[in-house]
Amino acid sequence: ALPGFDENEYMDASHFNEQSFESLLEQYRLVRESSIALFSSFS
């Protein structure tokens, strides 16, 4: 069984507003491109 997560606890621990906006946008892009590559491989 894979665990759940509490989005509010993750947010409290993230400090997204203190991170570089450009870095967050680049992380989004890279994660999405990786996801597309992985999911495209699924039969």
PDB file of all heavy atoms in Angstrom:
ATOM      1  N   ALA A   1       0.852  -1.186   0.000  1.00  0.00           N
ATOM      2  CA  ALA A   1       0.000   0.000   0.000  1.00  0.00           C
ATOM      3  C   ALA A   1       0.893   1.243   0.000  1.00  0.00           C
ATOM      4  O   ALA A   1       1.873   1.309   0.735  1.00  0.00           O
ATOM      5  CB  ALA A   1      -0.916  -0.006   1.218  1.00  0.00           C
ATOM      6  N   LEU A   2       0.560   2.188  -0.846  1.00  0.00           N
ATOM      7  CA  LEU A   2       1.318   3.439  -0.950  1.00  0.00           C
ATOM      8  C   LEU A   2       0.669   4.484  -0.041  1.00  0.00           C
ATOM      9  O   LEU A   2      -0.558   4.602   0.003  1.00  0.00           O
ATOM     10  CB  LEU A   2       1.340   3.909  -2.398  1.00  0.00           C
ATOM     11  CG  LEU A   2       1.970   2.896  -3.369  1.00  0.00           C
ATOM     12  CD1 LEU A   2       1.672   3.267  -4.808  1.00  0.00           C
ATOM     13  CD2 LEU A   2       3.459   2.797  -3.128  1.00  0.00           C
ATOM     14  N   PRO A   3       1.480   5.261   0.674  1.00  0.00           N
ATOM     15  CA  PRO A   3       0.917   6.183   1.667  1.00  0.00           C
ATOM     16  C   PRO A   3       0.228   7.385   1.036  1.00  0.00           C
ATOM     17  O   PRO A   3       0.509   7.770  -0.099  1.00  0.00           O
ATOM     18  CB  PRO A   3       2.149   6.641   2.456  1.00  0.00           C
ATOM     19  CG  PRO A   3       3.274   6.531   1.482  1.00  0.00           C
ATOM     20  CD  PRO A   3       2.942   5.335   0.625  1.00  0.00           C
ATOM     21  N   GLY A   4      -0.654   7.975   1.805  1.00  0.00           N
ATOM     22  CA  GLY A   4      -1.278   9.232   1.423  1.00  0.00           C
ATOM     23  C   GLY A   4      -0.390  10.392   1.843  1.00  0.00           C
ATOM     24  O   GLY A   4       0.731  10.190   2.307  1.00  0.00           O
ATOM     25  N   PHE A   5      -0.894  11.605   1.649  1.00  0.00           N
ATOM     26  CA  PHE A   5      -0.172  12.786   2.108  1.00  0.00           C
ATOM     27  C   PHE A   5      -1.179  13.866   2.440  1.00  0.00           C
ATOM     28  O   PHE A   5      -2.278  13.892   1.886  1.00  0.00           O
ATOM     29  CB  PHE A   5       0.857  13.266   1.064  1.00  0.00           C
ATOM     30  CG  PHE A   5       0.282  13.994  -0.117  1.00  0.00           C
ATOM     31  CD1 PHE A   5       0.412  15.374  -0.227  1.00  0.00           C
ATOM     32  CD2 PHE A   5      -0.374  13.316  -1.134  1.00  0.00           C
ATOM     33  CE1 PHE A   5      -0.109  16.056  -1.315  1.00  0.00           C
ATOM     34  CE2 PHE A   5      -0.889  13.981  -2.227  1.00  0.00           C
ATOM     35  CZ  PHE A   5      -0.754  15.362  -2.323  1.00  0.00           C
ATOM     36  N   ASP A   6      -0.814  14.736   3.349  1.00  0.00           N
ATOM     37  CA  ASP A   6      -1.665  15.852   3.741  1.00  0.00           C
ATOM     38  C   ASP A   6      -1.142  17.094   3.031  1.00  0.00           C
ATOM     39  O   ASP A   6      -0.047  17.575   3.337  1.00  0.00           O
ATOM     40  CB  ASP A   6      -1.621  16.029   5.257  1.00  0.00           C
ATOM     41  CG  ASP A   6      -2.510  17.149   5.742  1.00  0.00           C
ATOM     42  OD1 ASP A   6      -2.452  18.269   5.169  1.00  0.00           O
ATOM     43  OD2 ASP A   6      -3.260  16.932   6.718  1.00  0.00           O
ATOM     44  N   GLU A   7      -1.917  17.599   2.092  1.00  0.00           N
ATOM     45  CA  GLU A   7      -1.454  18.731   1.272  1.00  0.00           C
ATOM     46  C   GLU A   7      -1.133  19.964   2.113  1.00  0.00           C
ATOM     47  O   GLU A   7      -0.226  20.725   1.781  1.00  0.00           O
ATOM     48  CB  GLU A   7      -2.486  19.078   0.199  1.00  0.00           C
ATOM     49  CG  GLU A   7      -3.797  19.570   0.739  1.00  0.00           C
ATOM     50  CD  GLU A   7      -4.854  19.768  -0.332  1.00  0.00           C
ATOM     51  OE1 GLU A   7      -4.799  19.105  -1.362  1.00  0.00           O
ATOM     52  OE2 GLU A   7      -5.738  20.611  -0.112  1.00  0.00           O
ATOM     53  N   ASN A   8      -1.837  20.173   3.198  1.00  0.00           N
ATOM     54  CA  ASN A   8      -1.570  21.345   4.035  1.00  0.00           C
ATOM     55  C   ASN A   8      -0.271  21.188   4.823  1.00  0.00           C
ATOM     56  O   ASN A   8       0.478  22.157   4.973  1.00  0.00           O
ATOM     57  CB  ASN A   8      -2.756  21.628   4.954  1.00  0.00           C
ATOM     58  CG  ASN A   8      -3.958  22.088   4.158  1.00  0.00           C
ATOM     59  OD1 ASN A   8      -3.865  22.989   3.338  1.00  0.00           O
ATOM     60  ND2 ASN A   8      -5.094  21.439   4.374  1.00  0.00           N
ATOM     61  N   GLU A   9       0.012  19.991   5.297  1.00  0.00           N
ATOM     62  CA  GLU A   9       1.291  19.753   5.975  1.00  0.00           C
ATOM     63  C   GLU A   9       2.450  19.912   4.998  1.00  0.00           C
ATOM     64  O   GLU A   9       3.486  20.480   5.342  1.00  0.00           O
ATOM     65  CB  GLU A   9       1.313  18.365   6.604  1.00  0.00           C
ATOM     66  CG  GLU A   9       0.433  18.251   7.835  1.00  0.00           C
ATOM     67  CD  GLU A   9       0.462  16.869   8.460  1.00  0.00           C
ATOM     68  OE1 GLU A   9       1.282  16.016   8.032  1.00  0.00           O
ATOM     69  OE2 GLU A   9      -0.347  16.631   9.375  1.00  0.00           O
ATOM     70  N   TYR A  10       2.278  19.413   3.775  1.00  0.00           N
ATOM     71  CA  TYR A  10       3.316  19.579   2.760  1.00  0.00           C
ATOM     72  C   TYR A  10       3.518  21.055   2.457  1.00  0.00           C
ATOM     73  O   TYR A  10       4.650  21.512   2.302  1.00  0.00           O
ATOM     74  CB  TYR A  10       2.960  18.809   1.484  1.00  0.00           C
ATOM     75  CG  TYR A  10       3.408  17.360   1.484  1.00  0.00           C
ATOM     76  CD1 TYR A  10       3.078  16.497   2.530  1.00  0.00           C
ATOM     77  CD2 TYR A  10       4.151  16.853   0.433  1.00  0.00           C
ATOM     78  CE1 TYR A  10       3.478  15.182   2.522  1.00  0.00           C
ATOM     79  CE2 TYR A  10       4.561  15.531   0.418  1.00  0.00           C
ATOM     80  CZ  TYR A  10       4.222  14.699   1.464  1.00  0.00           C
ATOM     81  OH  TYR A  10       4.639  13.393   1.459  1.00  0.00           O
ATOM     82  N   MET A  11       2.432  21.796   2.372  1.00  0.00           N
ATOM     83  CA  MET A  11       2.543  23.228   2.080  1.00  0.00           C
ATOM     84  C   MET A  11       3.281  23.936   3.210  1.00  0.00           C
ATOM     85  O   MET A  11       4.158  24.770   2.959  1.00  0.00           O
ATOM     86  CB  MET A  11       1.164  23.849   1.866  1.00  0.00           C
ATOM     87  CG  MET A  11       1.216  25.316   1.460  1.00  0.00           C
ATOM     88  SD  MET A  11       2.110  25.637  -0.080  1.00  0.00           S
ATOM     89  CE  MET A  11       0.984  24.904  -1.268  1.00  0.00           C
ATOM     90  N   ASP A  12       2.936  23.607   4.439  1.00  0.00           N
ATOM     91  CA  ASP A  12       3.604  24.242   5.583  1.00  0.00           C
ATOM     92  C   ASP A  12       5.110  23.987   5.563  1.00  0.00           C
ATOM     93  O   ASP A  12       5.890  24.847   5.969  1.00  0.00           O
ATOM     94  CB  ASP A  12       3.016  23.733   6.901  1.00  0.00           C
ATOM     95  CG  ASP A  12       1.596  24.229   7.146  1.00  0.00           C
ATOM     96  OD1 ASP A  12       1.160  25.188   6.473  1.00  0.00           O
ATOM     97  OD2 ASP A  12       0.918  23.625   8.010  1.00  0.00           O
ATOM     98  N   ALA A  13       5.510  22.830   5.086  1.00  0.00           N
ATOM     99  CA  ALA A  13       6.930  22.466   5.060  1.00  0.00           C
ATOM    100  C   ALA A  13       7.656  22.927   3.797  1.00  0.00           C
ATOM    101  O   ALA A  13       8.875  22.863   3.731  1.00  0.00           O
ATOM    102  CB  ALA A  13       7.075  20.955   5.200  1.00  0.00           C
ATOM    103  N   SER A  14       6.928  23.419   2.810  1.00  0.00           N
ATOM    104  CA  SER A  14       7.509  23.688   1.487  1.00  0.00           C
ATOM    105  C   SER A  14       8.275  25.000   1.360  1.00  0.00           C
ATOM    106  O   SER A  14       9.258  25.074   0.645  1.00  0.00           O
ATOM    107  CB  SER A  14       6.408  23.684   0.426  1.00  0.00           C
ATOM    108  OG  SER A  14       5.606  24.863   0.565  1.00  0.00           O
ATOM    109  N   HIS A  15       7.764  26.048   1.954  1.00  0.00           N
ATOM    110  CA  HIS A  15       8.338  27.388   1.828  1.00  0.00           C
ATOM    111  C   HIS A  15       8.421  27.833   0.366  1.00  0.00           C
ATOM    112  O   HIS A  15       9.398  28.451  -0.054  1.00  0.00           O
ATOM    113  CB  HIS A  15       9.724  27.468   2.502  1.00  0.00           C
ATOM    114  CG  HIS A  15       9.692  27.036   3.934  1.00  0.00           C
ATOM    115  ND1 HIS A  15       9.190  27.830   4.934  1.00  0.00           N
ATOM    116  CD2 HIS A  15      10.074  25.872   4.517  1.00  0.00           C
ATOM    117  CE1 HIS A  15       9.263  27.179   6.088  1.00  0.00           C
ATOM    118  NE2 HIS A  15       9.785  25.991   5.856  1.00  0.00           N
ATOM    119  N   PHE A  16       7.378  27.535  -0.400  1.00  0.00           N
ATOM    120  CA  PHE A  16       7.364  27.883  -1.824  1.00  0.00           C
ATOM    121  C   PHE A  16       7.508  29.383  -2.067  1.00  0.00           C
ATOM    122  O   PHE A  16       8.147  29.796  -3.022  1.00  0.00           O
ATOM    123  CB  PHE A  16       6.091  27.378  -2.516  1.00  0.00           C
ATOM    124  CG  PHE A  16       6.031  25.891  -2.681  1.00  0.00           C
ATOM    125  CD1 PHE A  16       4.894  25.192  -2.314  1.00  0.00           C
ATOM    126  CD2 PHE A  16       7.098  25.178  -3.209  1.00  0.00           C
ATOM    127  CE1 PHE A  16       4.817  23.808  -2.477  1.00  0.00           C
ATOM    128  CE2 PHE A  16       7.034  23.795  -3.373  1.00  0.00           C
ATOM    129  CZ  PHE A  16       5.891  23.125  -3.003  1.00  0.00           C
ATOM    130  N   ASN A  17       6.888  30.203  -1.209  1.00  0.00           N
ATOM    131  CA  ASN A  17       6.978  31.654  -1.425  1.00  0.00           C
ATOM    132  C   ASN A  17       8.384  32.195  -1.201  1.00  0.00           C
ATOM    133  O   ASN A  17       8.692  33.311  -1.618  1.00  0.00           O
ATOM    134  CB  ASN A  17       5.992  32.400  -0.519  1.00  0.00           C
ATOM    135  CG  ASN A  17       4.577  32.341  -1.053  1.00  0.00           C
ATOM    136  OD1 ASN A  17       4.355  32.105  -2.234  1.00  0.00           O
ATOM    137  ND2 ASN A  17       3.616  32.556  -0.181  1.00  0.00           N
ATOM    138  N   GLU A  18       9.221  31.416  -0.537  1.00  0.00           N
ATOM    139  CA  GLU A  18      10.601  31.840  -0.303  1.00  0.00           C
ATOM    140  C   GLU A  18      11.561  31.299  -1.357  1.00  0.00           C
ATOM    141  O   GLU A  18      12.727  31.662  -1.377  1.00  0.00           O
ATOM    142  CB  GLU A  18      11.034  31.378   1.097  1.00  0.00           C
ATOM    143  CG  GLU A  18      10.196  32.028   2.191  1.00  0.00           C
ATOM    144  CD  GLU A  18      10.242  31.252   3.495  1.00  0.00           C
ATOM    145  OE1 GLU A  18      11.178  30.468   3.714  1.00  0.00           O
ATOM    146  OE2 GLU A  18       9.309  31.437   4.299  1.00  0.00           O
ATOM    147  N   GLN A  19      11.053  30.452  -2.234  1.00  0.00           N
ATOM    148  CA  GLN A  19      11.878  29.892  -3.311  1.00  0.00           C
ATOM    149  C   GLN A  19      11.821  30.805  -4.533  1.00  0.00           C
ATOM    150  O   GLN A  19      10.888  31.596  -4.700  1.00  0.00           O
ATOM    151  CB  GLN A  19      11.395  28.494  -3.678  1.00  0.00           C
ATOM    152  CG  GLN A  19      11.556  27.486  -2.561  1.00  0.00           C
ATOM    153  CD  GLN A  19      11.052  26.116  -2.952  1.00  0.00           C
ATOM    154  OE1 GLN A  19      11.179  25.705  -4.092  1.00  0.00           O
ATOM    155  NE2 GLN A  19      10.486  25.403  -1.994  1.00  0.00           N
ATOM    156  N   SER A  20      12.783  30.663  -5.374  1.00  0.00           N
ATOM    157  CA  SER A  20      12.799  31.419  -6.620  1.00  0.00           C
ATOM    158  C   SER A  20      11.616  31.002  -7.493  1.00  0.00           C
ATOM    159  O   SER A  20      11.393  29.803  -7.727  1.00  0.00           O
ATOM    160  CB  SER A  20      14.117  31.136  -7.356  1.00  0.00           C
ATOM    161  OG  SER A  20      13.987  31.322  -8.729  1.00  0.00           O
ATOM    162  N   PHE A  21      10.874  31.991  -7.955  1.00  0.00           N
ATOM    163  CA  PHE A  21       9.745  31.710  -8.830  1.00  0.00           C
ATOM    164  C   PHE A  21      10.214  30.984 -10.090  1.00  0.00           C
ATOM    165  O   PHE A  21       9.582  30.036 -10.550  1.00  0.00           O
ATOM    166  CB  PHE A  21       9.023  33.017  -9.192  1.00  0.00           C
ATOM    167  CG  PHE A  21       7.851  32.813 -10.091  1.00  0.00           C
ATOM    168  CD1 PHE A  21       6.655  32.322  -9.588  1.00  0.00           C
ATOM    169  CD2 PHE A  21       7.932  33.104 -11.442  1.00  0.00           C
ATOM    170  CE1 PHE A  21       5.566  32.118 -10.426  1.00  0.00           C
ATOM    171  CE2 PHE A  21       6.852  32.910 -12.271  1.00  0.00           C
ATOM    172  CZ  PHE A  21       5.666  32.414 -11.763  1.00  0.00           C
ATOM    173  N   GLU A  22      11.345  31.419 -10.636  1.00  0.00           N
ATOM    174  CA  GLU A  22      11.889  30.805 -11.851  1.00  0.00           C
ATOM    175  C   GLU A  22      12.233  29.339 -11.598  1.00  0.00           C
ATOM    176  O   GLU A  22      12.005  28.482 -12.453  1.00  0.00           O
ATOM    177  CB  GLU A  22      13.119  31.568 -12.343  1.00  0.00           C
ATOM    178  CG  GLU A  22      12.832  32.962 -12.861  1.00  0.00           C
ATOM    179  CD  GLU A  22      12.554  34.001 -11.765  1.00  0.00           C
ATOM    180  OE1 GLU A  22      12.899  33.765 -10.576  1.00  0.00           O
ATOM    181  OE2 GLU A  22      11.960  35.046 -12.093  1.00  0.00           O
ATOM    182  N   SER A  23      12.775  29.047 -10.415  1.00  0.00           N
ATOM    183  CA  SER A  23      13.109  27.667 -10.070  1.00  0.00           C
ATOM    184  C   SER A  23      11.847  26.807  -9.966  1.00  0.00           C
ATOM    185  O   SER A  23      11.818  25.674 -10.454  1.00  0.00           O
ATOM    186  CB  SER A  23      13.869  27.624  -8.747  1.00  0.00           C
ATOM    187  OG  SER A  23      14.031  26.297  -8.314  1.00  0.00           O
ATOM    188  N   LEU A  24      10.795  27.337  -9.352  1.00  0.00           N
ATOM    189  CA  LEU A  24       9.545  26.583  -9.233  1.00  0.00           C
ATOM    190  C   LEU A  24       8.943  26.297 -10.606  1.00  0.00           C
ATOM    191  O   LEU A  24       8.445  25.193 -10.851  1.00  0.00           O
ATOM    192  CB  LEU A  24       8.539  27.340  -8.366  1.00  0.00           C
ATOM    193  CG  LEU A  24       8.825  27.356  -6.875  1.00  0.00           C
ATOM    194  CD1 LEU A  24       7.858  28.283  -6.159  1.00  0.00           C
ATOM    195  CD2 LEU A  24       8.752  25.954  -6.292  1.00  0.00           C
ATOM    196  N   LEU A  25       8.999  27.277 -11.490  1.00  0.00           N
ATOM    197  CA  LEU A  25       8.454  27.074 -12.836  1.00  0.00           C
ATOM    198  C   LEU A  25       9.287  26.050 -13.608  1.00  0.00           C
ATOM    199  O   LEU A  25       8.738  25.210 -14.323  1.00  0.00           O
ATOM    200  CB  LEU A  25       8.374  28.412 -13.589  1.00  0.00           C
ATOM    201  CG  LEU A  25       7.560  28.417 -14.872  1.00  0.00           C
ATOM    202  CD1 LEU A  25       6.136  27.910 -14.663  1.00  0.00           C
ATOM    203  CD2 LEU A  25       7.532  29.819 -15.469  1.00  0.00           C
ATOM    204  N   GLU A  26      10.600  26.085 -13.443  1.00  0.00           N
ATOM    205  CA  GLU A  26      11.472  25.105 -14.097  1.00  0.00           C
ATOM    206  C   GLU A  26      11.241  23.709 -13.525  1.00  0.00           C
ATOM    207  O   GLU A  26      11.226  22.722 -14.269  1.00  0.00           O
ATOM    208  CB  GLU A  26      12.939  25.520 -13.961  1.00  0.00           C
ATOM    209  CG  GLU A  26      13.911  24.580 -14.614  1.00  0.00           C
ATOM    210  CD  GLU A  26      13.844  24.516 -16.136  1.00  0.00           C
ATOM    211  OE1 GLU A  26      12.985  25.177 -16.762  1.00  0.00           O
ATOM    212  OE2 GLU A  26      14.658  23.770 -16.712  1.00  0.00           O
ATOM    213  N   GLN A  27      11.049  23.611 -12.223  1.00  0.00           N
ATOM    214  CA  GLN A  27      10.739  22.305 -11.623  1.00  0.00           C
ATOM    215  C   GLN A  27       9.443  21.757 -12.209  1.00  0.00           C
ATOM    216  O   GLN A  27       9.363  20.569 -12.544  1.00  0.00           O
ATOM    217  CB  GLN A  27      10.595  22.426 -10.104  1.00  0.00           C
ATOM    218  CG  GLN A  27      11.898  22.615  -9.376  1.00  0.00           C
ATOM    219  CD  GLN A  27      11.665  22.725  -7.893  1.00  0.00           C
ATOM    220  OE1 GLN A  27      11.109  21.805  -7.280  1.00  0.00           O
ATOM    221  NE2 GLN A  27      12.081  23.827  -7.298  1.00  0.00           N
ATOM    222  N   TYR A  28       8.430  22.616 -12.326  1.00  0.00           N
ATOM    223  CA  TYR A  28       7.164  22.183 -12.918  1.00  0.00           C
ATOM    224  C   TYR A  28       7.409  21.620 -14.319  1.00  0.00           C
ATOM    225  O   TYR A  28       6.941  20.536 -14.656  1.00  0.00           O
ATOM    226  CB  TYR A  28       6.161  23.351 -12.972  1.00  0.00           C
ATOM    227  CG  TYR A  28       4.987  23.019 -13.861  1.00  0.00           C
ATOM    228  CD1 TYR A  28       3.922  22.271 -13.376  1.00  0.00           C
ATOM    229  CD2 TYR A  28       4.976  23.400 -15.203  1.00  0.00           C
ATOM    230  CE1 TYR A  28       2.872  21.916 -14.205  1.00  0.00           C
ATOM    231  CE2 TYR A  28       3.933  23.046 -16.031  1.00  0.00           C
ATOM    232  CZ  TYR A  28       2.881  22.305 -15.536  1.00  0.00           C
ATOM    233  OH  TYR A  28       1.850  21.934 -16.357  1.00  0.00           O
ATOM    234  N   ARG A  29       8.136  22.375 -15.142  1.00  0.00           N
ATOM    235  CA  ARG A  29       8.385  21.962 -16.533  1.00  0.00           C
ATOM    236  C   ARG A  29       9.091  20.613 -16.585  1.00  0.00           C
ATOM    237  O   ARG A  29       8.686  19.712 -17.331  1.00  0.00           O
ATOM    238  CB  ARG A  29       9.214  23.015 -17.267  1.00  0.00           C
ATOM    239  CG  ARG A  29       9.447  22.695 -18.747  1.00  0.00           C
ATOM    240  CD  ARG A  29      10.414  23.660 -19.404  1.00  0.00           C
ATOM    241  NE  ARG A  29      11.772  23.538 -18.912  1.00  0.00           N
ATOM    242  CZ  ARG A  29      12.616  22.560 -19.270  1.00  0.00           C
ATOM    243  NH1 ARG A  29      12.245  21.615 -20.100  1.00  0.00           N
ATOM    244  NH2 ARG A  29      13.842  22.532 -18.773  1.00  0.00           N
ATOM    245  N   LEU A  30      10.134  20.461 -15.777  1.00  0.00           N
ATOM    246  CA  LEU A  30      10.899  19.219 -15.794  1.00  0.00           C
ATOM    247  C   LEU A  30      10.081  18.027 -15.287  1.00  0.00           C
ATOM    248  O   LEU A  30      10.149  16.932 -15.864  1.00  0.00           O
ATOM    249  CB  LEU A  30      12.174  19.382 -14.959  1.00  0.00           C
ATOM    250  CG  LEU A  30      13.213  20.337 -15.544  1.00  0.00           C
ATOM    251  CD1 LEU A  30      14.301  20.641 -14.512  1.00  0.00           C
ATOM    252  CD2 LEU A  30      13.814  19.783 -16.824  1.00  0.00           C
ATOM    253  N   VAL A  31       9.317  18.236 -14.240  1.00  0.00           N
ATOM    254  CA  VAL A  31       8.472  17.162 -13.716  1.00  0.00           C
ATOM    255  C   VAL A  31       7.443  16.762 -14.768  1.00  0.00           C
ATOM    256  O   VAL A  31       7.236  15.573 -15.026  1.00  0.00           O
ATOM    257  CB  VAL A  31       7.798  17.576 -12.387  1.00  0.00           C
ATOM    258  CG1 VAL A  31       6.697  16.597 -11.981  1.00  0.00           C
ATOM    259  CG2 VAL A  31       8.845  17.683 -11.288  1.00  0.00           C
ATOM    260  N   ARG A  32       6.808  17.739 -15.402  1.00  0.00           N
ATOM    261  CA  ARG A  32       5.790  17.425 -16.406  1.00  0.00           C
ATOM    262  C   ARG A  32       6.394  16.681 -17.596  1.00  0.00           C
ATOM    263  O   ARG A  32       5.827  15.704 -18.074  1.00  0.00           O
ATOM    264  CB  ARG A  32       5.079  18.703 -16.860  1.00  0.00           C
ATOM    265  CG  ARG A  32       4.026  18.525 -17.960  1.00  0.00           C
ATOM    266  CD  ARG A  32       2.950  17.477 -17.667  1.00  0.00           C
ATOM    267  NE  ARG A  32       2.240  17.648 -16.443  1.00  0.00           N
ATOM    268  CZ  ARG A  32       1.090  18.286 -16.306  1.00  0.00           C
ATOM    269  NH1 ARG A  32       0.509  18.853 -17.350  1.00  0.00           N
ATOM    270  NH2 ARG A  32       0.523  18.372 -15.123  1.00  0.00           N
ATOM    271  N   GLU A  33       7.546  17.124 -18.064  1.00  0.00           N
ATOM    272  CA  GLU A  33       8.170  16.445 -19.200  1.00  0.00           C
ATOM    273  C   GLU A  33       8.570  15.018 -18.826  1.00  0.00           C
ATOM    274  O   GLU A  33       8.400  14.094 -19.633  1.00  0.00           O
ATOM    275  CB  GLU A  33       9.357  17.249 -19.716  1.00  0.00           C
ATOM    276  CG  GLU A  33       8.903  18.510 -20.438  1.00  0.00           C
ATOM    277  CD  GLU A  33      10.034  19.424 -20.882  1.00  0.00           C
ATOM    278  OE1 GLU A  33      11.221  19.112 -20.634  1.00  0.00           O
ATOM    279  OE2 GLU A  33       9.712  20.466 -21.492  1.00  0.00           O
ATOM    280  N   SER A  34       9.065  14.833 -17.617  1.00  0.00           N
ATOM    281  CA  SER A  34       9.403  13.490 -17.157  1.00  0.00           C
ATOM    282  C   SER A  34       8.151  12.624 -17.045  1.00  0.00           C
ATOM    283  O   SER A  34       8.161  11.446 -17.432  1.00  0.00           O
ATOM    284  CB  SER A  34      10.114  13.578 -15.803  1.00  0.00           C
ATOM    285  OG  SER A  34      10.393  12.303 -15.309  1.00  0.00           O
ATOM    286  N   SER A  35       7.076  13.189 -16.528  1.00  0.00           N
ATOM    287  CA  SER A  35       5.813  12.448 -16.408  1.00  0.00           C
ATOM    288  C   SER A  35       5.304  12.027 -17.778  1.00  0.00           C
ATOM    289  O   SER A  35       4.896  10.866 -17.964  1.00  0.00           O
ATOM    290  CB  SER A  35       4.745  13.300 -15.716  1.00  0.00           C
ATOM    291  OG  SER A  35       5.080  13.561 -14.383  1.00  0.00           O
ATOM    292  N   ILE A  36       5.325  12.932 -18.723  1.00  0.00           N
ATOM    293  CA  ILE A  36       4.846  12.617 -20.072  1.00  0.00           C
ATOM    294  C   ILE A  36       5.673  11.477 -20.667  1.00  0.00           C
ATOM    295  O   ILE A  36       5.124  10.539 -21.258  1.00  0.00           O
ATOM    296  CB  ILE A  36       4.871  13.875 -20.968  1.00  0.00           C
ATOM    297  CG1 ILE A  36       3.778  14.854 -20.521  1.00  0.00           C
ATOM    298  CG2 ILE A  36       4.700  13.502 -22.447  1.00  0.00           C
ATOM    299  CD1 ILE A  36       3.887  16.240 -21.150  1.00  0.00           C
ATOM    300  N   ALA A  37       6.991  11.537 -20.506  1.00  0.00           N
ATOM    301  CA  ALA A  37       7.846  10.477 -21.033  1.00  0.00           C
ATOM    302  C   ALA A  37       7.515   9.133 -20.377  1.00  0.00           C
ATOM    303  O   ALA A  37       7.395   8.107 -21.066  1.00  0.00           O
ATOM    304  CB  ALA A  37       9.313  10.833 -20.829  1.00  0.00           C
ATOM    305  N   LEU A  38       7.375   9.131 -19.050  1.00  0.00           N
ATOM    306  CA  LEU A  38       7.050   7.890 -18.339  1.00  0.00           C
ATOM    307  C   LEU A  38       5.693   7.359 -18.754  1.00  0.00           C
ATOM    308  O   LEU A  38       5.554   6.197 -19.142  1.00  0.00           O
ATOM    309  CB  LEU A  38       7.082   8.117 -16.825  1.00  0.00           C
ATOM    310  CG  LEU A  38       6.598   6.935 -15.972  1.00  0.00           C
ATOM    311  CD1 LEU A  38       7.515   5.729 -16.134  1.00  0.00           C
ATOM    312  CD2 LEU A  38       6.482   7.360 -14.510  1.00  0.00           C
ATOM    313  N   PHE A  39       4.680   8.190 -18.668  1.00  0.00           N
ATOM    314  CA  PHE A  39       3.318   7.727 -18.935  1.00  0.00           C
ATOM    315  C   PHE A  39       3.135   7.308 -20.396  1.00  0.00           C
ATOM    316  O   PHE A  39       2.338   6.422 -20.688  1.00  0.00           O
ATOM    317  CB  PHE A  39       2.293   8.792 -18.538  1.00  0.00           C
ATOM    318  CG  PHE A  39       2.382   9.223 -17.098  1.00  0.00           C
ATOM    319  CD1 PHE A  39       2.065  10.526 -16.739  1.00  0.00           C
ATOM    320  CD2 PHE A  39       2.803   8.357 -16.088  1.00  0.00           C
ATOM    321  CE1 PHE A  39       2.143  10.945 -15.420  1.00  0.00           C
ATOM    322  CE2 PHE A  39       2.893   8.763 -14.764  1.00  0.00           C
ATOM    323  CZ  PHE A  39       2.558  10.066 -14.427  1.00  0.00           C
ATOM    324  N   SER A  40       3.878   7.914 -21.294  1.00  0.00           N
ATOM    325  CA  SER A  40       3.811   7.526 -22.710  1.00  0.00           C
ATOM    326  C   SER A  40       4.352   6.113 -22.914  1.00  0.00           C
ATOM    327  O   SER A  40       4.022   5.462 -23.913  1.00  0.00           O
ATOM    328  CB  SER A  40       4.589   8.511 -23.579  1.00  0.00           C
ATOM    329  OG  SER A  40       3.973   9.782 -23.566  1.00  0.00           O
ATOM    330  N   SER A  41       5.171   5.643 -21.996  1.00  0.00           N
ATOM    331  CA  SER A  41       5.735   4.298 -22.111  1.00  0.00           C
ATOM    332  C   SER A  41       4.779   3.218 -21.610  1.00  0.00           C
ATOM    333  O   SER A  41       5.013   2.032 -21.839  1.00  0.00           O
ATOM    334  CB  SER A  41       7.057   4.212 -21.336  1.00  0.00           C
ATOM    335  OG  SER A  41       6.836   4.145 -19.937  1.00  0.00           O
ATOM    336  N   PHE A  42       3.701   3.601 -20.927  1.00  0.00           N
ATOM    337  CA  PHE A  42       2.755   2.625 -20.385  1.00  0.00           C
ATOM    338  C   PHE A  42       1.869   2.076 -21.500  1.00  0.00           C
ATOM    339  O   PHE A  42       1.202   2.846 -22.204  1.00  0.00           O
ATOM    340  CB  PHE A  42       1.831   3.267 -19.341  1.00  0.00           C
ATOM    341  CG  PHE A  42       2.453   3.655 -18.028  1.00  0.00           C
ATOM    342  CD1 PHE A  42       3.796   3.460 -17.750  1.00  0.00           C
ATOM    343  CD2 PHE A  42       1.672   4.235 -17.045  1.00  0.00           C
ATOM    344  CE1 PHE A  42       4.358   3.820 -16.533  1.00  0.00           C
ATOM    345  CE2 PHE A  42       2.207   4.600 -15.822  1.00  0.00           C
ATOM    346  CZ  PHE A  42       3.547   4.394 -15.557  1.00  0.00           C
ATOM    347  N   SER A  43       1.817   0.781 -21.634  1.00  0.00           N
ATOM    348  CA  SER A  43       0.819   0.166 -22.518  1.00  0.00           C
ATOM    349  C   SER A  43      -0.538   0.273 -21.812  1.00  0.00           C
ATOM    350  O   SER A  43      -0.599   0.544 -20.603  1.00  0.00           O
ATOM    351  CB  SER A  43       1.166  -1.294 -22.778  1.00  0.00           C
ATOM    352  OG  SER A  43       1.023  -2.041 -21.567  1.00  0.00           O
TER     353      SER A  43
END
